[in-house]
N, C-alpha and C. Protein backbone atom coordinates (compact mmCIF):
# COMPACT_ATOMS: atom_id res chain seq x y z
N MET A 1 -7.75 13.88 19.95
CA MET A 1 -8.07 15.32 19.64
C MET A 1 -8.24 15.99 20.86
N ASP A 2 -8.43 15.26 22.05
CA ASP A 2 -8.87 15.92 23.32
C ASP A 2 -7.51 16.81 23.79
N ALA A 3 -6.36 16.12 23.51
CA ALA A 3 -5.14 16.85 23.92
C ALA A 3 -4.80 18.04 23.15
N ILE A 4 -5.32 18.23 21.91
CA ILE A 4 -4.97 19.23 21.09
C ILE A 4 -6.15 20.50 21.53
N ALA A 5 -7.23 20.03 21.77
CA ALA A 5 -8.25 20.95 22.28
C ALA A 5 -7.77 21.51 23.59
N GLN A 6 -7.26 20.75 24.51
CA GLN A 6 -6.75 21.28 25.79
C GLN A 6 -5.53 22.11 25.54
N LEU A 7 -4.71 21.86 24.54
CA LEU A 7 -3.67 22.80 24.31
C LEU A 7 -4.03 24.14 23.78
N LYS A 8 -4.99 24.12 22.94
CA LYS A 8 -5.54 25.33 22.44
C LYS A 8 -6.21 26.26 23.58
N ASP A 9 -6.92 25.53 24.43
CA ASP A 9 -7.57 26.22 25.49
C ASP A 9 -6.58 26.81 26.47
N ASP A 10 -5.50 26.15 26.67
CA ASP A 10 -4.31 26.42 27.61
C ASP A 10 -3.69 27.72 26.96
N LEU A 11 -3.45 27.71 25.69
CA LEU A 11 -2.69 28.74 25.00
C LEU A 11 -3.61 30.05 25.06
N LEU A 12 -4.91 29.91 24.66
CA LEU A 12 -5.79 31.13 24.72
C LEU A 12 -5.91 31.65 25.97
N ALA A 13 -5.98 30.89 27.14
CA ALA A 13 -6.06 31.25 28.38
C ALA A 13 -4.74 31.69 28.98
N GLY A 14 -3.67 31.69 28.37
CA GLY A 14 -2.39 32.10 28.86
C GLY A 14 -1.74 31.21 29.89
N ARG A 15 -2.11 29.87 29.94
CA ARG A 15 -1.59 29.12 30.83
C ARG A 15 -0.16 28.48 30.09
N ILE A 16 -0.13 28.46 28.90
CA ILE A 16 1.05 28.05 28.15
C ILE A 16 1.92 29.02 27.54
N ASP A 17 3.10 29.21 27.88
CA ASP A 17 3.95 30.20 27.30
C ASP A 17 4.29 29.96 25.86
N SER A 18 4.31 31.01 25.03
CA SER A 18 4.78 30.76 23.51
C SER A 18 6.00 30.01 23.24
N ASN A 19 6.96 30.19 24.09
CA ASN A 19 8.34 29.47 24.13
C ASN A 19 8.00 27.89 24.26
N ARG A 20 7.13 27.52 25.17
CA ARG A 20 6.85 26.26 25.36
C ARG A 20 6.10 25.70 24.18
N LEU A 21 5.23 26.38 23.60
CA LEU A 21 4.53 25.90 22.44
C LEU A 21 5.47 25.67 21.31
N VAL A 22 6.42 26.61 21.03
CA VAL A 22 7.41 26.46 19.91
C VAL A 22 8.38 25.18 20.34
N ASP A 23 8.71 24.92 21.53
CA ASP A 23 9.54 23.78 21.93
C ASP A 23 8.76 22.48 21.56
N LEU A 24 7.49 22.55 21.91
CA LEU A 24 6.53 21.44 21.60
C LEU A 24 6.56 21.06 20.00
N LEU A 25 6.36 22.21 19.27
CA LEU A 25 6.22 22.06 17.84
C LEU A 25 7.58 21.47 17.33
N LEU A 26 8.69 21.94 17.67
CA LEU A 26 9.97 21.48 17.19
C LEU A 26 10.25 20.05 17.68
N SER A 27 9.95 19.71 18.84
CA SER A 27 9.93 18.25 19.25
C SER A 27 9.12 17.25 18.46
N THR A 28 7.92 17.85 18.12
CA THR A 28 7.00 16.98 17.18
C THR A 28 7.52 16.87 15.74
N LEU A 29 8.27 17.95 15.24
CA LEU A 29 8.82 18.08 13.94
C LEU A 29 10.07 17.08 14.00
N ARG A 30 10.86 16.97 15.13
CA ARG A 30 11.94 16.11 15.16
C ARG A 30 11.30 14.55 15.03
N ASP A 31 10.37 14.48 15.67
CA ASP A 31 9.85 12.99 15.78
C ASP A 31 9.18 12.63 14.38
N LEU A 32 8.63 13.51 13.71
CA LEU A 32 8.30 13.27 12.37
C LEU A 32 9.48 13.00 11.55
N GLN A 33 10.45 13.74 11.49
CA GLN A 33 11.55 13.55 10.69
C GLN A 33 12.18 12.15 11.01
N GLU A 34 12.30 11.79 12.18
CA GLU A 34 12.94 10.59 12.58
C GLU A 34 12.10 9.40 11.98
N ALA A 35 10.75 9.51 12.00
CA ALA A 35 9.81 8.53 11.58
C ALA A 35 9.97 8.43 10.14
N LYS A 36 10.15 9.62 9.37
CA LYS A 36 10.30 9.51 7.85
C LYS A 36 11.57 8.78 7.62
N GLN A 37 12.64 9.05 8.37
CA GLN A 37 13.94 8.37 8.04
C GLN A 37 13.89 6.92 8.28
N ARG A 38 13.04 6.47 9.34
CA ARG A 38 12.90 5.08 9.68
C ARG A 38 12.26 4.40 8.55
N ILE A 39 11.12 5.11 8.13
CA ILE A 39 10.37 4.43 6.94
C ILE A 39 11.08 4.30 5.73
N ALA A 40 12.00 5.34 5.39
CA ALA A 40 12.89 5.22 4.24
C ALA A 40 13.87 4.02 4.34
N ASP A 41 14.46 3.75 5.55
CA ASP A 41 15.39 2.76 5.85
C ASP A 41 14.71 1.46 5.64
N LEU A 42 13.40 1.33 6.25
CA LEU A 42 12.82 -0.04 6.13
C LEU A 42 12.32 -0.22 4.56
N GLU A 43 12.03 0.66 3.81
CA GLU A 43 11.67 0.59 2.47
C GLU A 43 12.89 0.05 1.64
N LYS A 44 14.11 0.53 2.09
CA LYS A 44 15.38 0.03 1.38
C LYS A 44 15.60 -1.42 1.66
N GLN A 45 15.24 -1.90 2.83
CA GLN A 45 15.34 -3.29 3.20
C GLN A 45 14.42 -4.35 2.50
N LEU A 46 13.35 -3.72 2.05
CA LEU A 46 12.25 -4.63 1.20
C LEU A 46 12.89 -5.18 -0.02
N PRO A 47 12.62 -6.39 -0.35
CA PRO A 47 12.89 -6.98 -1.56
C PRO A 47 12.32 -6.00 -2.65
N GLY A 48 12.64 -6.44 -3.93
CA GLY A 48 12.17 -5.75 -5.16
C GLY A 48 10.65 -5.48 -5.12
N SER A 49 10.20 -4.70 -6.02
CA SER A 49 8.74 -4.49 -6.20
C SER A 49 7.79 -5.58 -6.23
N PRO A 50 6.77 -5.61 -5.37
CA PRO A 50 5.80 -6.75 -5.40
C PRO A 50 5.17 -6.99 -6.71
N THR A 51 5.24 -5.92 -7.55
CA THR A 51 4.26 -6.05 -8.84
C THR A 51 5.28 -6.04 -10.06
N ALA A 52 6.41 -6.49 -9.76
CA ALA A 52 7.49 -6.70 -10.94
C ALA A 52 6.94 -7.48 -12.14
N LYS A 53 7.29 -7.08 -13.32
CA LYS A 53 6.69 -7.92 -14.40
C LYS A 53 7.56 -9.03 -14.66
N VAL A 54 6.83 -10.12 -15.19
CA VAL A 54 7.58 -11.27 -15.42
C VAL A 54 8.43 -11.03 -16.78
N ASP A 55 9.45 -11.73 -17.00
CA ASP A 55 10.29 -11.52 -18.23
C ASP A 55 9.39 -12.00 -19.52
N GLU A 56 8.68 -13.02 -19.40
CA GLU A 56 7.95 -13.50 -20.59
C GLU A 56 6.51 -13.08 -20.37
N PRO A 57 5.87 -12.72 -21.46
CA PRO A 57 4.36 -12.38 -21.26
C PRO A 57 3.71 -13.73 -21.15
N PHE A 58 2.47 -13.60 -20.67
CA PHE A 58 1.70 -14.74 -20.34
C PHE A 58 1.16 -15.46 -21.79
N SER A 59 1.26 -16.67 -21.88
CA SER A 59 0.88 -17.36 -23.06
C SER A 59 0.03 -18.64 -22.72
N LEU A 60 -1.10 -18.72 -23.50
CA LEU A 60 -2.02 -19.84 -23.05
C LEU A 60 -1.38 -21.14 -23.31
N ARG A 61 -0.61 -21.15 -24.48
CA ARG A 61 0.11 -22.47 -24.77
C ARG A 61 1.12 -22.99 -23.77
N THR A 62 1.94 -21.96 -23.23
CA THR A 62 2.93 -22.36 -22.12
C THR A 62 2.08 -22.72 -20.89
N GLU A 63 0.96 -22.06 -20.74
CA GLU A 63 0.17 -22.47 -19.50
C GLU A 63 -0.41 -23.88 -19.54
N GLU A 64 -0.77 -24.30 -20.69
CA GLU A 64 -1.26 -25.53 -20.97
C GLU A 64 -0.19 -26.58 -20.92
N LYS A 65 1.06 -26.20 -21.33
CA LYS A 65 2.22 -27.07 -21.02
C LYS A 65 2.57 -27.35 -19.57
N ARG A 66 2.31 -26.21 -18.79
CA ARG A 66 2.62 -26.22 -17.42
C ARG A 66 1.59 -27.29 -16.67
N GLN A 67 0.42 -27.06 -17.23
CA GLN A 67 -0.80 -27.88 -16.51
C GLN A 67 -0.54 -29.29 -16.91
N GLU A 68 -0.15 -29.58 -18.12
CA GLU A 68 0.06 -30.94 -18.65
C GLU A 68 1.12 -31.53 -17.86
N ALA A 69 2.21 -30.85 -17.70
CA ALA A 69 3.27 -31.45 -17.03
C ALA A 69 3.16 -31.74 -15.42
N SER A 70 2.15 -30.89 -14.86
CA SER A 70 1.81 -31.24 -13.56
C SER A 70 0.57 -32.10 -13.34
N GLY A 71 0.06 -32.57 -14.57
CA GLY A 71 -0.90 -33.56 -14.50
C GLY A 71 -2.41 -33.02 -14.31
N LYS A 72 -2.55 -31.73 -14.49
CA LYS A 72 -3.72 -31.11 -14.12
C LYS A 72 -4.33 -30.33 -15.36
N LYS A 73 -4.32 -30.98 -16.43
CA LYS A 73 -4.72 -30.28 -17.71
C LYS A 73 -6.17 -29.85 -17.62
N LYS A 74 -6.38 -28.59 -17.88
CA LYS A 74 -7.72 -28.09 -17.80
C LYS A 74 -8.46 -28.24 -19.07
N LYS A 75 -9.59 -28.34 -19.19
CA LYS A 75 -10.27 -28.51 -20.41
C LYS A 75 -10.83 -27.06 -21.00
N ARG A 76 -10.78 -26.95 -22.15
CA ARG A 76 -11.47 -25.60 -22.73
C ARG A 76 -12.81 -25.85 -22.79
N LYS A 77 -13.59 -24.76 -22.49
CA LYS A 77 -14.97 -24.76 -22.68
C LYS A 77 -15.29 -24.82 -24.20
N ALA A 78 -16.27 -25.43 -24.63
CA ALA A 78 -16.92 -25.53 -25.95
C ALA A 78 -17.48 -24.26 -26.16
N PRO A 79 -17.35 -23.73 -27.33
CA PRO A 79 -18.05 -22.40 -27.59
C PRO A 79 -19.46 -22.65 -27.70
N ARG A 80 -20.24 -21.65 -27.30
CA ARG A 80 -21.68 -21.75 -27.28
C ARG A 80 -22.21 -21.89 -28.67
N GLN A 81 -23.10 -22.67 -28.82
CA GLN A 81 -23.81 -22.94 -30.17
C GLN A 81 -25.26 -22.50 -30.04
N GLY A 82 -25.81 -22.19 -31.18
CA GLY A 82 -27.19 -21.90 -31.01
C GLY A 82 -27.57 -20.44 -31.31
N ARG A 83 -28.73 -20.10 -31.34
CA ARG A 83 -28.94 -18.65 -31.76
C ARG A 83 -28.96 -17.84 -30.32
N ARG A 84 -28.52 -16.63 -30.54
CA ARG A 84 -28.65 -15.80 -29.46
C ARG A 84 -29.50 -14.60 -29.81
N GLY A 85 -29.89 -14.00 -28.82
CA GLY A 85 -30.88 -12.99 -28.95
C GLY A 85 -32.37 -13.31 -28.94
N ARG A 86 -33.10 -12.58 -29.53
CA ARG A 86 -34.49 -12.54 -29.47
C ARG A 86 -34.98 -13.62 -30.52
N ILE A 87 -35.88 -14.65 -30.14
CA ILE A 87 -36.35 -15.57 -30.95
C ILE A 87 -37.76 -15.20 -31.37
């Protein structure tokens, strides 16, 4: 921000011509447009969406089959028994 403050001071003091300021703004605008174009090109190169949906919905049964096939079957938690609430 120091460069911007210096630019404002120079403009107010008359040390910078208005044509120079316009040239500076145009060059900054060109740089911004080039950066936007580069971002658009890079986004085109990316593979598909990282949050793409899977064709099949999640199923507990199929997940159990996968775990069983890999030898890491997870046990289901037994439902809580007993009274809940105030005794």
